[in-house]
Amino acid sequence: MKTPRNPDTVPAPVGRYVHQIEVTNESRLLFLSGQVGMAADGSVPDDPVTQFGLALRYVMANLEAAGFEPTDLVKLTTYVVGELDSAGRRAELDRQLGTHVSTRTLVFVAALAAPEYKVEIDAWAIR
């Protein structure tokens, strides 16, 4: 069982996420490696929001391949080099996750594995 919470003793989230998710009982855990915004043809779009959308799509594809649902996502960490349009990022989250909430962390970093990568997402899921 997954129980999302926003404790009264912590400021409310500033977006559609929760501060904590408690997991009880036996569950399957899925930990994903970082997913980057590389297109199927190997090209990497210049636009960070497009990279974010691709990386999030690969998170969803990994969940599906393991027999998980998008609602099983409990932790999403996004690493960003440079700027990332917040409205564009939120629109992608809404498009791909709908109203599902998870814990989320957004980290700005100096670089990722290759200079063309501007966004990388790793995720945890529990079923």
N, C-alpha and C. Protein backbone atom coordinates (compact mmCIF):
# COMPACT_ATOMS: atom_id res chain seq x y z
N MET A 1 0.84 -1.18 0.00
CA MET A 1 0.00 0.00 0.00
C MET A 1 0.89 1.25 0.00
N LYS A 2 0.50 2.25 -0.80
CA LYS A 2 1.22 3.51 -0.86
C LYS A 2 0.34 4.60 -0.25
N THR A 3 0.90 5.34 0.70
CA THR A 3 0.16 6.41 1.34
C THR A 3 0.90 7.73 1.14
N PRO A 4 0.41 8.59 0.24
CA PRO A 4 1.05 9.90 0.06
C PRO A 4 0.62 10.86 1.17
N ARG A 5 1.56 11.71 1.58
CA ARG A 5 1.27 12.67 2.66
C ARG A 5 2.02 13.97 2.45
N ASN A 6 1.40 15.03 2.93
CA ASN A 6 2.03 16.33 3.08
C ASN A 6 1.84 16.73 4.54
N PRO A 7 2.84 16.48 5.40
CA PRO A 7 2.68 16.79 6.82
C PRO A 7 2.37 18.26 7.08
N ASP A 8 1.56 18.52 8.10
CA ASP A 8 1.23 19.89 8.48
C ASP A 8 2.45 20.66 8.98
N THR A 9 3.49 19.95 9.38
CA THR A 9 4.68 20.58 9.94
C THR A 9 5.70 20.98 8.87
N VAL A 10 5.36 20.76 7.60
CA VAL A 10 6.23 21.10 6.47
C VAL A 10 5.45 22.02 5.55
N PRO A 11 6.07 23.08 5.00
CA PRO A 11 5.33 23.94 4.07
C PRO A 11 4.72 23.13 2.92
N ALA A 12 3.55 23.53 2.48
CA ALA A 12 2.84 22.83 1.41
C ALA A 12 3.68 22.79 0.14
N PRO A 13 3.55 21.75 -0.67
CA PRO A 13 4.28 21.68 -1.93
C PRO A 13 3.93 22.87 -2.82
N VAL A 14 4.90 23.29 -3.63
CA VAL A 14 4.67 24.42 -4.54
C VAL A 14 4.18 23.95 -5.91
N GLY A 15 4.02 22.66 -6.09
CA GLY A 15 3.56 22.09 -7.34
C GLY A 15 2.76 20.84 -7.08
N ARG A 16 2.52 20.07 -8.13
CA ARG A 16 1.75 18.83 -8.00
C ARG A 16 2.68 17.69 -7.64
N TYR A 17 3.04 17.61 -6.39
CA TYR A 17 3.85 16.51 -5.85
C TYR A 17 3.52 16.39 -4.38
N VAL A 18 4.03 15.36 -3.74
CA VAL A 18 3.85 15.18 -2.31
C VAL A 18 5.21 15.10 -1.65
N HIS A 19 5.26 15.44 -0.37
CA HIS A 19 6.52 15.40 0.36
C HIS A 19 6.97 13.99 0.71
N GLN A 20 6.01 13.08 0.89
CA GLN A 20 6.39 11.72 1.27
C GLN A 20 5.36 10.71 0.79
N ILE A 21 5.86 9.50 0.59
CA ILE A 21 4.99 8.37 0.30
C ILE A 21 5.48 7.21 1.16
N GLU A 22 4.61 6.73 2.02
CA GLU A 22 4.95 5.58 2.84
C GLU A 22 4.48 4.31 2.15
N VAL A 23 5.34 3.30 2.15
CA VAL A 23 5.00 2.02 1.54
C VAL A 23 4.96 0.98 2.65
N THR A 24 3.84 0.25 2.71
CA THR A 24 3.69 -0.82 3.68
C THR A 24 3.31 -2.10 2.95
N ASN A 25 3.53 -3.24 3.59
CA ASN A 25 3.25 -4.55 3.02
C ASN A 25 4.28 -4.92 1.94
N GLU A 26 4.11 -6.10 1.38
CA GLU A 26 5.04 -6.55 0.34
C GLU A 26 4.75 -5.82 -0.96
N SER A 27 5.81 -5.40 -1.61
CA SER A 27 5.68 -4.67 -2.87
C SER A 27 6.81 -5.03 -3.81
N ARG A 28 6.59 -4.76 -5.08
CA ARG A 28 7.66 -4.83 -6.07
C ARG A 28 8.23 -3.43 -6.21
N LEU A 29 9.55 -3.34 -6.20
CA LEU A 29 10.23 -2.06 -6.37
C LEU A 29 10.91 -2.03 -7.73
N LEU A 30 10.88 -0.89 -8.39
CA LEU A 30 11.56 -0.72 -9.66
C LEU A 30 12.37 0.56 -9.58
N PHE A 31 13.67 0.47 -9.79
CA PHE A 31 14.57 1.61 -9.79
C PHE A 31 15.06 1.81 -11.22
N LEU A 32 14.89 2.99 -11.76
CA LEU A 32 15.30 3.25 -13.14
C LEU A 32 16.61 4.02 -13.17
N SER A 33 17.45 3.67 -14.13
CA SER A 33 18.63 4.49 -14.42
C SER A 33 18.14 5.79 -15.03
N GLY A 34 19.02 6.77 -15.06
CA GLY A 34 18.67 8.04 -15.65
C GLY A 34 18.29 7.89 -17.12
N GLN A 35 17.19 8.50 -17.49
CA GLN A 35 16.70 8.50 -18.87
C GLN A 35 16.96 9.88 -19.46
N VAL A 36 17.53 9.91 -20.65
CA VAL A 36 17.85 11.19 -21.29
C VAL A 36 16.93 11.43 -22.48
N GLY A 37 16.94 12.65 -22.98
CA GLY A 37 16.07 13.05 -24.06
C GLY A 37 16.63 12.81 -25.44
N MET A 38 17.03 11.60 -25.71
CA MET A 38 17.54 11.22 -27.03
C MET A 38 16.39 10.62 -27.84
N ALA A 39 16.23 11.09 -29.06
CA ALA A 39 15.18 10.56 -29.94
C ALA A 39 15.56 9.15 -30.39
N ALA A 40 14.58 8.43 -30.93
CA ALA A 40 14.79 7.05 -31.37
C ALA A 40 15.88 6.94 -32.43
N ASP A 41 16.07 7.99 -33.23
CA ASP A 41 17.10 7.97 -34.28
C ASP A 41 18.49 8.35 -33.76
N GLY A 42 18.61 8.56 -32.45
CA GLY A 42 19.90 8.91 -31.85
C GLY A 42 20.18 10.39 -31.78
N SER A 43 19.31 11.20 -32.36
CA SER A 43 19.51 12.65 -32.28
C SER A 43 19.05 13.16 -30.92
N VAL A 44 19.61 14.30 -30.54
CA VAL A 44 19.24 14.92 -29.27
C VAL A 44 18.73 16.33 -29.58
N PRO A 45 17.45 16.59 -29.32
CA PRO A 45 16.90 17.92 -29.60
C PRO A 45 17.61 18.99 -28.77
N ASP A 46 17.69 20.18 -29.32
CA ASP A 46 18.31 21.30 -28.59
C ASP A 46 17.44 21.78 -27.44
N ASP A 47 16.12 21.71 -27.61
CA ASP A 47 15.18 22.26 -26.63
C ASP A 47 15.11 21.39 -25.37
N PRO A 48 15.43 21.97 -24.20
CA PRO A 48 15.38 21.19 -22.96
C PRO A 48 13.99 20.63 -22.63
N VAL A 49 12.92 21.35 -22.95
CA VAL A 49 11.58 20.83 -22.66
C VAL A 49 11.29 19.61 -23.53
N THR A 50 11.74 19.64 -24.78
CA THR A 50 11.57 18.48 -25.66
C THR A 50 12.37 17.30 -25.11
N GLN A 51 13.59 17.56 -24.64
CA GLN A 51 14.39 16.50 -24.01
C GLN A 51 13.68 15.97 -22.78
N PHE A 52 13.11 16.85 -21.98
CA PHE A 52 12.37 16.42 -20.79
C PHE A 52 11.22 15.51 -21.17
N GLY A 53 10.46 15.90 -22.20
CA GLY A 53 9.33 15.09 -22.65
C GLY A 53 9.75 13.71 -23.11
N LEU A 54 10.85 13.65 -23.86
CA LEU A 54 11.37 12.35 -24.31
C LEU A 54 11.82 11.50 -23.13
N ALA A 55 12.58 12.09 -22.22
CA ALA A 55 13.08 11.35 -21.06
C ALA A 55 11.92 10.82 -20.22
N LEU A 56 10.89 11.64 -20.03
CA LEU A 56 9.73 11.20 -19.26
C LEU A 56 8.99 10.08 -20.00
N ARG A 57 8.93 10.17 -21.31
CA ARG A 57 8.31 9.09 -22.10
C ARG A 57 9.07 7.78 -21.89
N TYR A 58 10.40 7.84 -21.82
CA TYR A 58 11.20 6.63 -21.59
C TYR A 58 11.01 6.09 -20.18
N VAL A 59 10.78 6.98 -19.21
CA VAL A 59 10.42 6.52 -17.87
C VAL A 59 9.12 5.72 -17.95
N MET A 60 8.13 6.26 -18.65
CA MET A 60 6.84 5.57 -18.78
C MET A 60 7.01 4.25 -19.53
N ALA A 61 7.84 4.22 -20.55
CA ALA A 61 8.08 2.98 -21.31
C ALA A 61 8.75 1.93 -20.43
N ASN A 62 9.68 2.35 -19.58
CA ASN A 62 10.32 1.42 -18.65
C ASN A 62 9.31 0.85 -17.67
N LEU A 63 8.44 1.69 -17.16
CA LEU A 63 7.40 1.21 -16.24
C LEU A 63 6.55 0.15 -16.92
N GLU A 64 6.09 0.46 -18.12
CA GLU A 64 5.23 -0.47 -18.85
C GLU A 64 5.95 -1.79 -19.13
N ALA A 65 7.22 -1.71 -19.53
CA ALA A 65 7.98 -2.92 -19.85
C ALA A 65 8.13 -3.84 -18.64
N ALA A 66 8.10 -3.26 -17.44
CA ALA A 66 8.24 -4.04 -16.22
C ALA A 66 6.89 -4.44 -15.63
N GLY A 67 5.80 -4.09 -16.31
CA GLY A 67 4.47 -4.44 -15.81
C GLY A 67 3.96 -3.48 -14.75
N PHE A 68 4.49 -2.27 -14.74
CA PHE A 68 4.07 -1.24 -13.80
C PHE A 68 3.18 -0.24 -14.52
N GLU A 69 2.40 0.51 -13.75
CA GLU A 69 1.54 1.58 -14.26
C GLU A 69 2.16 2.94 -13.92
N PRO A 70 1.81 3.98 -14.65
CA PRO A 70 2.30 5.31 -14.30
C PRO A 70 1.97 5.70 -12.86
N THR A 71 0.84 5.21 -12.34
CA THR A 71 0.46 5.52 -10.96
C THR A 71 1.33 4.82 -9.93
N ASP A 72 2.20 3.91 -10.37
CA ASP A 72 3.14 3.25 -9.46
C ASP A 72 4.39 4.10 -9.21
N LEU A 73 4.54 5.16 -9.97
CA LEU A 73 5.68 6.06 -9.82
C LEU A 73 5.62 6.76 -8.48
N VAL A 74 6.69 6.64 -7.67
CA VAL A 74 6.70 7.29 -6.36
C VAL A 74 7.82 8.32 -6.22
N LYS A 75 8.85 8.26 -7.05
CA LYS A 75 9.97 9.20 -6.94
C LYS A 75 10.45 9.57 -8.33
N LEU A 76 10.52 10.85 -8.60
CA LEU A 76 10.98 11.35 -9.88
C LEU A 76 12.02 12.42 -9.61
N THR A 77 13.24 12.20 -10.08
CA THR A 77 14.31 13.18 -9.92
C THR A 77 14.73 13.65 -11.30
N THR A 78 14.71 14.95 -11.51
CA THR A 78 15.08 15.55 -12.79
C THR A 78 16.35 16.36 -12.60
N TYR A 79 17.35 16.06 -13.43
CA TYR A 79 18.61 16.79 -13.44
C TYR A 79 18.63 17.67 -14.68
N VAL A 80 18.98 18.94 -14.51
CA VAL A 80 18.92 19.91 -15.60
C VAL A 80 20.22 20.68 -15.69
N VAL A 81 20.71 20.84 -16.92
CA VAL A 81 21.85 21.71 -17.20
C VAL A 81 21.28 22.98 -17.81
N GLY A 82 21.58 24.12 -17.24
CA GLY A 82 21.09 25.39 -17.79
C GLY A 82 19.64 25.65 -17.41
N GLU A 83 18.91 26.25 -18.34
CA GLU A 83 17.52 26.66 -18.10
C GLU A 83 16.54 25.57 -18.53
N LEU A 84 15.42 25.49 -17.84
CA LEU A 84 14.32 24.62 -18.23
C LEU A 84 13.03 25.36 -17.95
N ASP A 85 12.26 25.63 -18.98
CA ASP A 85 11.01 26.36 -18.85
C ASP A 85 10.07 25.61 -17.90
N SER A 86 9.75 26.24 -16.77
CA SER A 86 8.91 25.58 -15.76
C SER A 86 7.53 25.25 -16.28
N ALA A 87 6.93 26.16 -17.03
CA ALA A 87 5.59 25.92 -17.56
C ALA A 87 5.61 24.75 -18.55
N GLY A 88 6.65 24.69 -19.38
CA GLY A 88 6.77 23.58 -20.33
C GLY A 88 6.98 22.26 -19.63
N ARG A 89 7.79 22.26 -18.56
CA ARG A 89 8.02 21.05 -17.78
C ARG A 89 6.73 20.58 -17.14
N ARG A 90 6.01 21.50 -16.53
CA ARG A 90 4.74 21.13 -15.88
C ARG A 90 3.72 20.62 -16.90
N ALA A 91 3.69 21.22 -18.07
CA ALA A 91 2.75 20.77 -19.11
C ALA A 91 3.07 19.33 -19.52
N GLU A 92 4.35 19.00 -19.64
CA GLU A 92 4.75 17.62 -19.98
C GLU A 92 4.35 16.67 -18.86
N LEU A 93 4.59 17.07 -17.62
CA LEU A 93 4.18 16.23 -16.48
C LEU A 93 2.67 15.99 -16.51
N ASP A 94 1.91 17.04 -16.73
CA ASP A 94 0.46 16.91 -16.78
C ASP A 94 0.04 16.01 -17.95
N ARG A 95 0.68 16.17 -19.10
CA ARG A 95 0.32 15.39 -20.28
C ARG A 95 0.61 13.91 -20.07
N GLN A 96 1.74 13.60 -19.45
CA GLN A 96 2.14 12.19 -19.34
C GLN A 96 1.70 11.53 -18.03
N LEU A 97 1.54 12.32 -16.97
CA LEU A 97 1.16 11.74 -15.68
C LEU A 97 -0.26 12.10 -15.25
N GLY A 98 -0.88 13.03 -15.94
CA GLY A 98 -2.21 13.45 -15.54
C GLY A 98 -2.20 14.03 -14.14
N THR A 99 -3.12 13.56 -13.32
CA THR A 99 -3.22 14.10 -11.95
C THR A 99 -2.41 13.29 -10.94
N HIS A 100 -1.70 12.25 -11.40
CA HIS A 100 -0.90 11.44 -10.47
C HIS A 100 0.18 12.28 -9.81
N VAL A 101 0.32 12.13 -8.50
CA VAL A 101 1.37 12.82 -7.77
C VAL A 101 2.40 11.81 -7.28
N SER A 102 3.63 12.26 -7.22
CA SER A 102 4.73 11.46 -6.67
C SER A 102 5.62 12.42 -5.89
N THR A 103 6.64 11.88 -5.27
CA THR A 103 7.64 12.78 -4.72
C THR A 103 8.51 13.21 -5.90
N ARG A 104 8.98 14.44 -5.88
CA ARG A 104 9.76 14.97 -7.00
C ARG A 104 10.88 15.86 -6.50
N THR A 105 12.00 15.76 -7.21
CA THR A 105 13.14 16.62 -6.93
C THR A 105 13.67 17.14 -8.26
N LEU A 106 13.97 18.44 -8.30
CA LEU A 106 14.54 19.09 -9.48
C LEU A 106 15.91 19.60 -9.08
N VAL A 107 16.95 19.13 -9.80
CA VAL A 107 18.33 19.47 -9.46
C VAL A 107 19.00 20.11 -10.67
N PHE A 108 19.61 21.27 -10.49
CA PHE A 108 20.38 21.91 -11.55
C PHE A 108 21.84 21.53 -11.36
N VAL A 109 22.45 21.03 -12.44
CA VAL A 109 23.82 20.51 -12.39
C VAL A 109 24.67 21.19 -13.46
N ALA A 110 25.99 21.06 -13.33
CA ALA A 110 26.92 21.67 -14.28
C ALA A 110 26.95 20.92 -15.61
N ALA A 111 26.81 19.61 -15.57
CA ALA A 111 26.90 18.81 -16.80
C ALA A 111 26.29 17.44 -16.57
N LEU A 112 25.93 16.79 -17.68
CA LEU A 112 25.47 15.40 -17.66
C LEU A 112 26.47 14.56 -18.44
N ALA A 113 26.12 13.35 -18.83
CA ALA A 113 27.06 12.40 -19.43
C ALA A 113 27.62 12.84 -20.77
N ALA A 114 26.89 13.66 -21.51
CA ALA A 114 27.37 14.18 -22.80
C ALA A 114 26.90 15.63 -22.90
N PRO A 115 27.67 16.47 -23.58
CA PRO A 115 27.34 17.90 -23.61
C PRO A 115 25.98 18.23 -24.23
N GLU A 116 25.47 17.39 -25.12
CA GLU A 116 24.18 17.68 -25.75
C GLU A 116 22.99 17.39 -24.82
N TYR A 117 23.21 16.62 -23.76
CA TYR A 117 22.13 16.32 -22.83
C TYR A 117 21.92 17.51 -21.88
N LYS A 118 20.68 17.97 -21.85
CA LYS A 118 20.31 19.06 -20.95
C LYS A 118 19.41 18.58 -19.82
N VAL A 119 18.83 17.37 -19.98
CA VAL A 119 17.89 16.84 -19.00
C VAL A 119 18.12 15.34 -18.84
N GLU A 120 18.07 14.88 -17.59
CA GLU A 120 18.07 13.45 -17.29
C GLU A 120 17.11 13.22 -16.15
N ILE A 121 16.36 12.13 -16.24
CA ILE A 121 15.35 11.80 -15.22
C ILE A 121 15.60 10.40 -14.71
N ASP A 122 15.65 10.26 -13.39
CA ASP A 122 15.61 8.91 -12.83
C ASP A 122 14.35 8.77 -11.98
N ALA A 123 13.95 7.53 -11.78
CA ALA A 123 12.65 7.32 -11.13
C ALA A 123 12.65 6.03 -10.32
N TRP A 124 11.75 6.01 -9.35
CA TRP A 124 11.47 4.81 -8.56
C TRP A 124 9.97 4.55 -8.66
N ALA A 125 9.63 3.28 -8.72
CA ALA A 125 8.22 2.90 -8.75
C ALA A 125 8.01 1.73 -7.79
N ILE A 126 6.82 1.66 -7.25
CA ILE A 126 6.44 0.60 -6.32
C ILE A 126 5.08 0.08 -6.72
N ARG A 127 4.98 -1.23 -6.79
CA ARG A 127 3.70 -1.87 -7.15
C ARG A 127 3.40 -2.95 -6.14
